[in-house]
C-alpha atoms as a PDB file:
ATOM      1  CA  UNK A   1     -64.623  26.216 -16.423  1.00  0.00           C
ATOM      2  CA  UNK A   2     -64.149  22.693 -15.044  1.00  0.00           C
ATOM      3  CA  UNK A   3     -60.810  21.152 -14.070  1.00  0.00           C
ATOM      4  CA  UNK A   4     -61.187  18.454 -16.722  1.00  0.00           C
ATOM      5  CA  UNK A   5     -61.551  21.151 -19.389  1.00  0.00           C
ATOM      6  CA  UNK A   6     -58.025  22.497 -18.943  1.00  0.00           C
ATOM      7  CA  UNK A   7     -55.876  22.377 -22.069  1.00  0.00           C
ATOM      8  CA  UNK A   8     -52.519  23.591 -20.728  1.00  0.00           C
ATOM      9  CA  UNK A   9     -52.771  21.925 -17.305  1.00  0.00           C
ATOM     10  CA  UNK A  10     -53.785  18.509 -16.073  1.00  0.00           C
ATOM     11  CA  UNK A  11     -55.015  17.686 -12.584  1.00  0.00           C
ATOM     12  CA  UNK A  12     -54.755  14.208 -11.080  1.00  0.00           C
ATOM     13  CA  UNK A  13     -56.666  13.744  -7.846  1.00  0.00           C
ATOM     14  CA  UNK A  14     -55.498  11.132  -5.359  1.00  0.00           C
ATOM     15  CA  UNK A  15     -57.602  11.420  -2.219  1.00  0.00           C
ATOM     16  CA  UNK A  16     -56.563  14.610  -0.440  1.00  0.00           C
ATOM     17  CA  UNK A  17     -53.598  15.117  -2.793  1.00  0.00           C
ATOM     18  CA  UNK A  18     -53.770  16.991  -6.113  1.00  0.00           C
ATOM     19  CA  UNK A  19     -51.044  16.554  -8.702  1.00  0.00           C
ATOM     20  CA  UNK A  20     -51.129  19.694 -10.854  1.00  0.00           C
ATOM     21  CA  UNK A  21     -49.102  19.394 -14.051  1.00  0.00           C
ATOM     22  CA  UNK A  22     -48.069  22.181 -16.401  1.00  0.00           C
ATOM     23  CA  UNK A  23     -48.912  20.357 -19.604  1.00  0.00           C
ATOM     24  CA  UNK A  24     -47.215  21.928 -22.612  1.00  0.00           C
ATOM     25  CA  UNK A  25     -44.185  19.623 -22.833  1.00  0.00           C
ATOM     26  CA  UNK A  26     -43.628  20.408 -26.527  1.00  0.00           C
ATOM     27  CA  UNK A  27     -42.989  24.039 -25.509  1.00  0.00           C
ATOM     28  CA  UNK A  28     -41.098  23.317 -22.256  1.00  0.00           C
ATOM     29  CA  UNK A  29     -44.315  24.265 -20.418  1.00  0.00           C
ATOM     30  CA  UNK A  30     -43.875  27.907 -21.384  1.00  0.00           C
ATOM     31  CA  UNK A  31     -46.538  30.251 -20.032  1.00  0.00           C
ATOM     32  CA  UNK A  32     -49.378  31.380 -22.294  1.00  0.00           C
ATOM     33  CA  UNK A  33     -52.449  33.483 -21.601  1.00  0.00           C
ATOM     34  CA  UNK A  34     -54.554  30.330 -21.549  1.00  0.00           C
ATOM     35  CA  UNK A  35     -52.253  28.696 -19.002  1.00  0.00           C
ATOM     36  CA  UNK A  36     -52.520  31.765 -16.791  1.00  0.00           C
ATOM     37  CA  UNK A  37     -56.322  31.692 -17.038  1.00  0.00           C
ATOM     38  CA  UNK A  38     -56.363  28.021 -16.048  1.00  0.00           C
ATOM     39  CA  UNK A  39     -53.895  28.534 -13.187  1.00  0.00           C
ATOM     40  CA  UNK A  40     -55.974  31.412 -11.850  1.00  0.00           C
ATOM     41  CA  UNK A  41     -59.078  29.217 -11.962  1.00  0.00           C
ATOM     42  CA  UNK A  42     -57.323  26.295 -10.267  1.00  0.00           C
ATOM     43  CA  UNK A  43     -55.850  28.279  -7.370  1.00  0.00           C
ATOM     44  CA  UNK A  44     -59.105  30.215  -6.869  1.00  0.00           C
ATOM     45  CA  UNK A  45     -61.042  26.957  -6.536  1.00  0.00           C
ATOM     46  CA  UNK A  46     -58.652  25.760  -3.811  1.00  0.00           C
ATOM     47  CA  UNK A  47     -59.514  28.582  -1.446  1.00  0.00           C
ATOM     48  CA  UNK A  48     -62.828  27.102  -0.333  1.00  0.00           C
ATOM     49  CA  UNK A  49     -61.949  23.474  -1.157  1.00  0.00           C
ATOM     50  CA  UNK A  50     -61.844  21.277   1.948  1.00  0.00           C
ATOM     51  CA  UNK A  51     -61.141  18.077   0.013  1.00  0.00           C
ATOM     52  CA  UNK A  52     -57.741  18.956  -1.434  1.00  0.00           C
ATOM     53  CA  UNK A  53     -55.193  19.305   1.358  1.00  0.00           C
ATOM     54  CA  UNK A  54     -51.820  19.261  -0.452  1.00  0.00           C
ATOM     55  CA  UNK A  55     -50.795  20.136  -4.025  1.00  0.00           C
ATOM     56  CA  UNK A  56     -47.859  18.745  -5.970  1.00  0.00           C
ATOM     57  CA  UNK A  57     -46.897  21.115  -8.815  1.00  0.00           C
ATOM     58  CA  UNK A  58     -44.801  19.741 -11.661  1.00  0.00           C
ATOM     59  CA  UNK A  59     -44.130  20.065 -15.368  1.00  0.00           C
ATOM     60  CA  UNK A  60     -44.630  17.391 -18.001  1.00  0.00           C
ATOM     61  CA  UNK A  61     -41.647  16.454 -20.134  1.00  0.00           C
ATOM     62  CA  UNK A  62     -38.076  17.648 -19.788  1.00  0.00           C
ATOM     63  CA  UNK A  63     -38.723  21.038 -18.164  1.00  0.00           C
ATOM     64  CA  UNK A  64     -40.533  22.438 -15.165  1.00  0.00           C
ATOM     65  CA  UNK A  65     -41.364  25.717 -16.924  1.00  0.00           C
ATOM     66  CA  UNK A  66     -39.251  27.746 -19.349  1.00  0.00           C
ATOM     67  CA  UNK A  67     -41.031  31.003 -18.485  1.00  0.00           C
ATOM     68  CA  UNK A  68     -43.158  33.168 -20.726  1.00  0.00           C
ATOM     69  CA  UNK A  69     -43.915  31.894 -24.228  1.00  0.00           C
ATOM     70  CA  UNK A  70     -42.458  34.891 -26.078  1.00  0.00           C
ATOM     71  CA  UNK A  71     -43.938  33.936 -29.448  1.00  0.00           C
ATOM     72  CA  UNK A  72     -47.428  33.624 -28.005  1.00  0.00           C
ATOM     73  CA  UNK A  73     -47.018  36.854 -26.047  1.00  0.00           C
ATOM     74  CA  UNK A  74     -46.050  38.661 -29.257  1.00  0.00           C
ATOM     75  CA  UNK A  75     -49.018  37.355 -31.249  1.00  0.00           C
ATOM     76  CA  UNK A  76     -51.478  40.250 -31.779  1.00  0.00           C
ATOM     77  CA  UNK A  77     -54.349  37.801 -32.342  1.00  0.00           C
ATOM     78  CA  UNK A  78     -54.127  36.500 -28.745  1.00  0.00           C
ATOM     79  CA  UNK A  79     -56.472  38.443 -26.397  1.00  0.00           C
ATOM     80  CA  UNK A  80     -54.620  40.491 -23.782  1.00  0.00           C
ATOM     81  CA  UNK A  81     -56.326  40.445 -20.359  1.00  0.00           C
ATOM     82  CA  UNK A  82     -56.306  43.469 -18.094  1.00  0.00           C
ATOM     83  CA  UNK A  83     -55.439  41.918 -14.730  1.00  0.00           C
ATOM     84  CA  UNK A  84     -55.341  44.295 -11.753  1.00  0.00           C
ATOM     85  CA  UNK A  85     -55.411  47.218 -14.176  1.00  0.00           C
ATOM     86  CA  UNK A  86     -51.922  46.263 -15.398  1.00  0.00           C
ATOM     87  CA  UNK A  87     -52.691  44.219 -18.518  1.00  0.00           C
ATOM     88  CA  UNK A  88     -51.060  40.811 -18.839  1.00  0.00           C
ATOM     89  CA  UNK A  89     -48.430  41.837 -16.262  1.00  0.00           C
ATOM     90  CA  UNK A  90     -51.035  42.019 -13.522  1.00  0.00           C
ATOM     91  CA  UNK A  91     -52.968  39.045 -14.873  1.00  0.00           C
ATOM     92  CA  UNK A  92     -49.984  36.718 -14.460  1.00  0.00           C
ATOM     93  CA  UNK A  93     -48.634  38.325 -11.283  1.00  0.00           C
ATOM     94  CA  UNK A  94     -51.890  37.568  -9.480  1.00  0.00           C
ATOM     95  CA  UNK A  95     -51.225  33.818  -9.925  1.00  0.00           C
ATOM     96  CA  UNK A  96     -48.336  34.024  -7.457  1.00  0.00           C
ATOM     97  CA  UNK A  97     -50.501  35.882  -4.945  1.00  0.00           C
ATOM     98  CA  UNK A  98     -53.162  33.183  -5.310  1.00  0.00           C
ATOM     99  CA  UNK A  99     -50.527  30.489  -4.707  1.00  0.00           C
ATOM    100  CA  UNK A 100     -49.563  32.095  -1.413  1.00  0.00           C
ATOM    101  CA  UNK A 101     -53.177  32.804  -0.459  1.00  0.00           C
ATOM    102  CA  UNK A 102     -54.524  29.292  -0.994  1.00  0.00           C
ATOM    103  CA  UNK A 103     -54.494  27.358   2.293  1.00  0.00           C
ATOM    104  CA  UNK A 104     -53.041  24.139   0.861  1.00  0.00           C
ATOM    105  CA  UNK A 105     -49.258  23.626   0.970  1.00  0.00           C
ATOM    106  CA  UNK A 106     -47.738  23.516  -2.531  1.00  0.00           C
ATOM    107  CA  UNK A 107     -44.751  21.254  -3.219  1.00  0.00           C
ATOM    108  CA  UNK A 108     -42.938  22.020  -6.477  1.00  0.00           C
ATOM    109  CA  UNK A 109     -41.168  19.214  -8.334  1.00  0.00           C
ATOM    110  CA  UNK A 110     -38.504  20.830 -10.505  1.00  0.00           C
ATOM    111  CA  UNK A 111     -36.659  19.160 -13.360  1.00  0.00           C
ATOM    112  CA  UNK A 112     -34.777  20.828 -16.175  1.00  0.00           C
ATOM    113  CA  UNK A 113     -35.181  24.574 -16.624  1.00  0.00           C
ATOM    114  CA  UNK A 114     -37.308  26.765 -14.365  1.00  0.00           C
ATOM    115  CA  UNK A 115     -36.888  30.233 -15.850  1.00  0.00           C
ATOM    116  CA  UNK A 116     -38.475  33.642 -15.298  1.00  0.00           C
ATOM    117  CA  UNK A 117     -42.120  33.140 -14.455  1.00  0.00           C
ATOM    118  CA  UNK A 118     -41.439  29.406 -14.109  1.00  0.00           C
ATOM    119  CA  UNK A 119     -38.740  30.156 -11.530  1.00  0.00           C
ATOM    120  CA  UNK A 120     -41.323  32.268  -9.726  1.00  0.00           C
ATOM    121  CA  UNK A 121     -43.758  29.297  -9.657  1.00  0.00           C
ATOM    122  CA  UNK A 122     -41.105  27.376  -7.732  1.00  0.00           C
ATOM    123  CA  UNK A 123     -40.351  30.321  -5.433  1.00  0.00           C
ATOM    124  CA  UNK A 124     -44.028  30.848  -4.601  1.00  0.00           C
ATOM    125  CA  UNK A 125     -44.400  27.224  -3.531  1.00  0.00           C
ATOM    126  CA  UNK A 126     -44.058  26.175   0.098  1.00  0.00           C
ATOM    127  CA  UNK A 127     -41.525  23.377  -0.521  1.00  0.00           C
ATOM    128  CA  UNK A 128     -39.226  22.834  -3.494  1.00  0.00           C
ATOM    129  CA  UNK A 129     -37.709  19.490  -4.485  1.00  0.00           C
ATOM    130  CA  UNK A 130     -35.254  19.461  -7.383  1.00  0.00           C
ATOM    131  CA  UNK A 131     -34.137  16.777  -9.771  1.00  0.00           C
ATOM    132  CA  UNK A 132     -30.412  16.651 -10.403  1.00  0.00           C
ATOM    133  CA  UNK A 133     -31.184  18.133 -13.851  1.00  0.00           C
ATOM    134  CA  UNK A 134     -32.794  21.274 -12.432  1.00  0.00           C
ATOM    135  CA  UNK A 135     -31.493  24.730 -13.284  1.00  0.00           C
ATOM    136  CA  UNK A 136     -33.253  27.984 -12.432  1.00  0.00           C
ATOM    137  CA  UNK A 137     -32.810  31.633 -13.269  1.00  0.00           C
ATOM    138  CA  UNK A 138     -34.438  35.051 -13.099  1.00  0.00           C
ATOM    139  CA  UNK A 139     -34.484  35.246 -16.877  1.00  0.00           C
ATOM    140  CA  UNK A 140     -36.320  38.576 -17.069  1.00  0.00           C
ATOM    141  CA  UNK A 141     -33.089  40.611 -16.968  1.00  0.00           C
ATOM    142  CA  UNK A 142     -31.773  38.688 -19.991  1.00  0.00           C
ATOM    143  CA  UNK A 143     -34.651  40.149 -22.039  1.00  0.00           C
ATOM    144  CA  UNK A 144     -33.942  43.782 -21.312  1.00  0.00           C
ATOM    145  CA  UNK A 145     -36.394  43.813 -18.397  1.00  0.00           C
ATOM    146  CA  UNK A 146     -36.039  44.144 -14.638  1.00  0.00           C
ATOM    147  CA  UNK A 147     -35.425  40.928 -12.706  1.00  0.00           C
ATOM    148  CA  UNK A 148     -37.824  42.255 -10.070  1.00  0.00           C
ATOM    149  CA  UNK A 149     -40.859  40.484 -11.491  1.00  0.00           C
ATOM    150  CA  UNK A 150     -43.569  37.978 -10.514  1.00  0.00           C
ATOM    151  CA  UNK A 151     -42.690  38.131  -6.828  1.00  0.00           C
ATOM    152  CA  UNK A 152     -39.043  37.176  -7.364  1.00  0.00           C
ATOM    153  CA  UNK A 153     -37.738  40.209  -5.470  1.00  0.00           C
ATOM    154  CA  UNK A 154     -39.932  39.204  -2.521  1.00  0.00           C
ATOM    155  CA  UNK A 155     -39.422  35.442  -2.443  1.00  0.00           C
ATOM    156  CA  UNK A 156     -35.789  34.962  -3.447  1.00  0.00           C
ATOM    157  CA  UNK A 157     -33.958  37.041  -0.787  1.00  0.00           C
ATOM    158  CA  UNK A 158     -36.142  35.475   1.906  1.00  0.00           C
ATOM    159  CA  UNK A 159     -35.063  32.022   0.732  1.00  0.00           C
ATOM    160  CA  UNK A 160     -31.353  32.458  -0.039  1.00  0.00           C
ATOM    161  CA  UNK A 161     -30.392  35.838   1.477  1.00  0.00           C
ATOM    162  CA  UNK A 162     -29.768  39.203  -0.118  1.00  0.00           C
ATOM    163  CA  UNK A 163     -26.288  38.574  -1.514  1.00  0.00           C
ATOM    164  CA  UNK A 164     -27.118  35.428  -3.496  1.00  0.00           C
ATOM    165  CA  UNK A 165     -30.479  36.869  -4.555  1.00  0.00           C
ATOM    166  CA  UNK A 166     -28.717  39.987  -5.829  1.00  0.00           C
ATOM    167  CA  UNK A 167     -26.164  37.883  -7.721  1.00  0.00           C
ATOM    168  CA  UNK A 168     -28.851  35.796  -9.415  1.00  0.00           C
ATOM    169  CA  UNK A 169     -31.166  38.690 -10.209  1.00  0.00           C
ATOM    170  CA  UNK A 170     -28.537  41.157 -11.403  1.00  0.00           C
ATOM    171  CA  UNK A 171     -26.917  38.630 -13.748  1.00  0.00           C
ATOM    172  CA  UNK A 172     -29.748  36.281 -14.721  1.00  0.00           C
ATOM    173  CA  UNK A 173     -27.283  33.408 -14.329  1.00  0.00           C
ATOM    174  CA  UNK A 174     -28.519  29.866 -13.737  1.00  0.00           C
ATOM    175  CA  UNK A 175     -28.349  28.239 -10.340  1.00  0.00           C
ATOM    176  CA  UNK A 176     -28.047  24.474 -10.699  1.00  0.00           C
ATOM    177  CA  UNK A 177     -29.410  21.732  -8.470  1.00  0.00           C
ATOM    178  CA  UNK A 178     -26.327  21.238  -6.291  1.00  0.00           C
ATOM    179  CA  UNK A 179     -26.045  24.934  -5.460  1.00  0.00           C
ATOM    180  CA  UNK A 180     -29.811  25.171  -4.964  1.00  0.00           C
ATOM    181  CA  UNK A 181     -29.410  22.654  -2.162  1.00  0.00           C
ATOM    182  CA  UNK A 182     -26.376  24.391  -0.636  1.00  0.00           C
ATOM    183  CA  UNK A 183     -28.217  27.729  -0.534  1.00  0.00           C
ATOM    184  CA  UNK A 184     -31.432  26.245   0.920  1.00  0.00           C
ATOM    185  CA  UNK A 185     -33.400  27.117  -2.190  1.00  0.00           C
ATOM    186  CA  UNK A 186     -34.626  23.515  -2.306  1.00  0.00           C
ATOM    187  CA  UNK A 187     -35.192  20.911   0.404  1.00  0.00           C
ATOM    188  CA  UNK A 188     -33.712  17.962  -1.470  1.00  0.00           C
ATOM    189  CA  UNK A 189     -32.085  16.963  -4.766  1.00  0.00           C
ATOM    190  CA  UNK A 190     -32.931  13.545  -6.190  1.00  0.00           C
ATOM    191  CA  UNK A 191     -32.537  11.701  -9.496  1.00  0.00           C
ATOM    192  CA  UNK A 192     -35.182  12.830 -11.963  1.00  0.00           C
ATOM    193  CA  UNK A 193     -36.924   9.459 -11.980  1.00  0.00           C
ATOM    194  CA  UNK A 194     -37.357   9.696  -8.193  1.00  0.00           C
ATOM    195  CA  UNK A 195     -38.841  13.200  -8.220  1.00  0.00           C
ATOM    196  CA  UNK A 196     -42.534  12.300  -8.113  1.00  0.00           C
ATOM    197  CA  UNK A 197     -42.191   9.611  -5.463  1.00  0.00           C
ATOM    198  CA  UNK A 198     -40.131  11.967  -3.298  1.00  0.00           C
ATOM    199  CA  UNK A 199     -42.791  14.652  -3.604  1.00  0.00           C
ATOM    200  CA  UNK A 200     -45.505  12.163  -2.686  1.00  0.00           C
ATOM    201  CA  UNK A 201     -43.532  11.184   0.417  1.00  0.00           C
ATOM    202  CA  UNK A 202     -43.406  14.808   1.536  1.00  0.00           C
ATOM    203  CA  UNK A 203     -47.146  15.153   0.860  1.00  0.00           C
ATOM    204  CA  UNK A 204     -47.954  12.001   2.806  1.00  0.00           C
ATOM    205  CA  UNK A 205     -46.076  13.348   5.816  1.00  0.00           C
ATOM    206  CA  UNK A 206     -48.073  16.594   5.628  1.00  0.00           C
ATOM    207  CA  UNK A 207     -51.328  14.652   5.388  1.00  0.00           C
ATOM    208  CA  UNK A 208     -50.630  13.131   8.803  1.00  0.00           C
ATOM    209  CA  UNK A 209     -51.504  16.537  10.275  1.00  0.00           C
ATOM    210  CA  UNK A 210     -55.056  17.584  11.036  1.00  0.00           C
ATOM    211  CA  UNK A 211     -56.739  19.539   8.222  1.00  0.00           C
ATOM    212  CA  UNK A 212     -57.032  22.740  10.236  1.00  0.00           C
ATOM    213  CA  UNK A 213     -53.571  22.360  11.737  1.00  0.00           C
ATOM    214  CA  UNK A 214     -52.033  22.062   8.278  1.00  0.00           C
ATOM    215  CA  UNK A 215     -53.886  25.048   6.847  1.00  0.00           C
ATOM    216  CA  UNK A 216     -53.226  27.320   9.816  1.00  0.00           C
ATOM    217  CA  UNK A 217     -49.548  26.379   9.824  1.00  0.00           C
ATOM    218  CA  UNK A 218     -49.178  27.595   6.222  1.00  0.00           C
ATOM    219  CA  UNK A 219     -51.116  30.745   7.099  1.00  0.00           C
ATOM    220  CA  UNK A 220     -49.093  31.358  10.253  1.00  0.00           C
ATOM    221  CA  UNK A 221     -45.781  30.928   8.465  1.00  0.00           C
ATOM    222  CA  UNK A 222     -46.801  33.395   5.770  1.00  0.00           C
ATOM    223  CA  UNK A 223     -47.849  35.970   8.342  1.00  0.00           C
ATOM    224  CA  UNK A 224     -44.757  35.461  10.504  1.00  0.00           C
ATOM    225  CA  UNK A 225     -42.388  36.005   7.567  1.00  0.00           C
ATOM    226  CA  UNK A 226     -43.778  39.535   7.213  1.00  0.00           C
ATOM    227  CA  UNK A 227     -44.546  40.182  10.881  1.00  0.00           C
ATOM    228  CA  UNK A 228     -43.134  43.463  12.227  1.00  0.00           C
ATOM    229  CA  UNK A 229     -41.871  41.721  15.350  1.00  0.00           C
ATOM    230  CA  UNK A 230     -42.085  38.789  17.739  1.00  0.00           C
ATOM    231  CA  UNK A 231     -45.249  39.946  19.469  1.00  0.00           C
ATOM    232  CA  UNK A 232     -47.157  40.203  16.189  1.00  0.00           C
ATOM    233  CA  UNK A 233     -46.065  36.696  15.191  1.00  0.00           C
ATOM    234  CA  UNK A 234     -47.014  35.267  18.586  1.00  0.00           C
ATOM    235  CA  UNK A 235     -50.428  36.961  18.424  1.00  0.00           C
ATOM    236  CA  UNK A 236     -51.185  35.047  15.215  1.00  0.00           C
ATOM    237  CA  UNK A 237     -49.784  31.844  16.710  1.00  0.00           C
ATOM    238  CA  UNK A 238     -52.027  32.248  19.759  1.00  0.00           C
ATOM    239  CA  UNK A 239     -55.091  32.841  17.598  1.00  0.00           C
ATOM    240  CA  UNK A 240     -54.366  29.817  15.386  1.00  0.00           C
ATOM    241  CA  UNK A 241     -53.618  27.552  18.329  1.00  0.00           C
ATOM    242  CA  UNK A 242     -56.856  28.491  20.105  1.00  0.00           C
ATOM    243  CA  UNK A 243     -58.803  27.788  16.914  1.00  0.00           C
ATOM    244  CA  UNK A 244     -57.130  24.387  16.511  1.00  0.00           C
ATOM    245  CA  UNK A 245     -57.474  23.418  20.167  1.00  0.00           C
ATOM    246  CA  UNK A 246     -61.247  23.766  20.021  1.00  0.00           C
ATOM    247  CA  UNK A 247     -61.639  21.183  17.245  1.00  0.00           C
ATOM    248  CA  UNK A 248     -62.563  17.528  17.653  1.00  0.00           C
ATOM    249  CA  UNK A 249     -59.426  16.704  15.673  1.00  0.00           C
ATOM    250  CA  UNK A 250     -57.251  18.235  18.411  1.00  0.00           C
ATOM    251  CA  UNK A 251     -59.020  16.100  21.010  1.00  0.00           C
ATOM    252  CA  UNK A 252     -58.451  13.041  18.799  1.00  0.00           C
ATOM    253  CA  UNK A 253     -54.793  13.954  18.331  1.00  0.00           C
ATOM    254  CA  UNK A 254     -54.201  14.131  22.069  1.00  0.00           C
ATOM    255  CA  UNK A 255     -56.050  10.866  22.716  1.00  0.00           C
ATOM    256  CA  UNK A 256     -54.060   9.150  19.993  1.00  0.00           C
ATOM    257  CA  UNK A 257     -50.791  10.426  21.473  1.00  0.00           C
ATOM    258  CA  UNK A 258     -51.698   9.072  24.918  1.00  0.00           C
ATOM    259  CA  UNK A 259     -52.883   5.764  23.436  1.00  0.00           C
ATOM    260  CA  UNK A 260     -49.772   5.490  21.231  1.00  0.00           C
ATOM    261  CA  UNK A 261     -51.692   5.087  17.982  1.00  0.00           C
ATOM    262  CA  UNK A 262     -52.056   7.083  14.736  1.00  0.00           C
ATOM    263  CA  UNK A 263     -54.796   9.732  14.979  1.00  0.00           C
ATOM    264  CA  UNK A 264     -57.872   9.484  12.797  1.00  0.00           C
ATOM    265  CA  UNK A 265     -58.803  13.020  11.808  1.00  0.00           C
ATOM    266  CA  UNK A 266     -62.272  13.920  10.519  1.00  0.00           C
ATOM    267  CA  UNK A 267     -61.700  17.561   9.597  1.00  0.00           C
ATOM    268  CA  UNK A 268     -63.885  18.774  12.463  1.00  0.00           C
END
């Protein structure tokens, strides 16, 4: 599969920045088996991709992602994959693992509803920016299911704390843009027509870092969140810093600082 063959996604490449769009606006970008297949392919290809350094993730149309396409999921003619030995459940759940595993920071641009698995796409991202129209919920519990799904029980309490996570997951209620900002679920709330430009500004700031420094910072943060203690976190920090310090980019960064000029990184 090639990126230009996607039918439910579109990828726009702008130098070191990828803009990845969920592209089913007529269905509020609801998740289908084909979308999952394409997302798995996209995030897998990032792992050994040294050209793409930051990803903006957004949804075409009026919604970020309304969650699982229930009609499609109920269609017996649609093939059911057997991801991780758990059927479609495992097949989709692995997307969120791939999002965390890929070394590129992911910035989600959220407008309108982000529900269920779509909410989890936002949670699995590194940075979330919301339009003032954004509203998110752990919709699974509204369908007679557990709200502990697609990494939500892992991501949400780490972002907003146990009490608010419990409230949202046990009720399935929506959290709107203003409260998302108050609870640190998102970094910023902007008018919907400013969402893309705001995301690009965040990406441009990240791209000022050296390629290895950016990747190892995402990796180090992920490890530190789950580290059993300070010493374990510092051990990873020490390893990453030694790796970075031996690069030509680190030498260039220090020279540029002394010479009071922007560094010119070569990815070496």
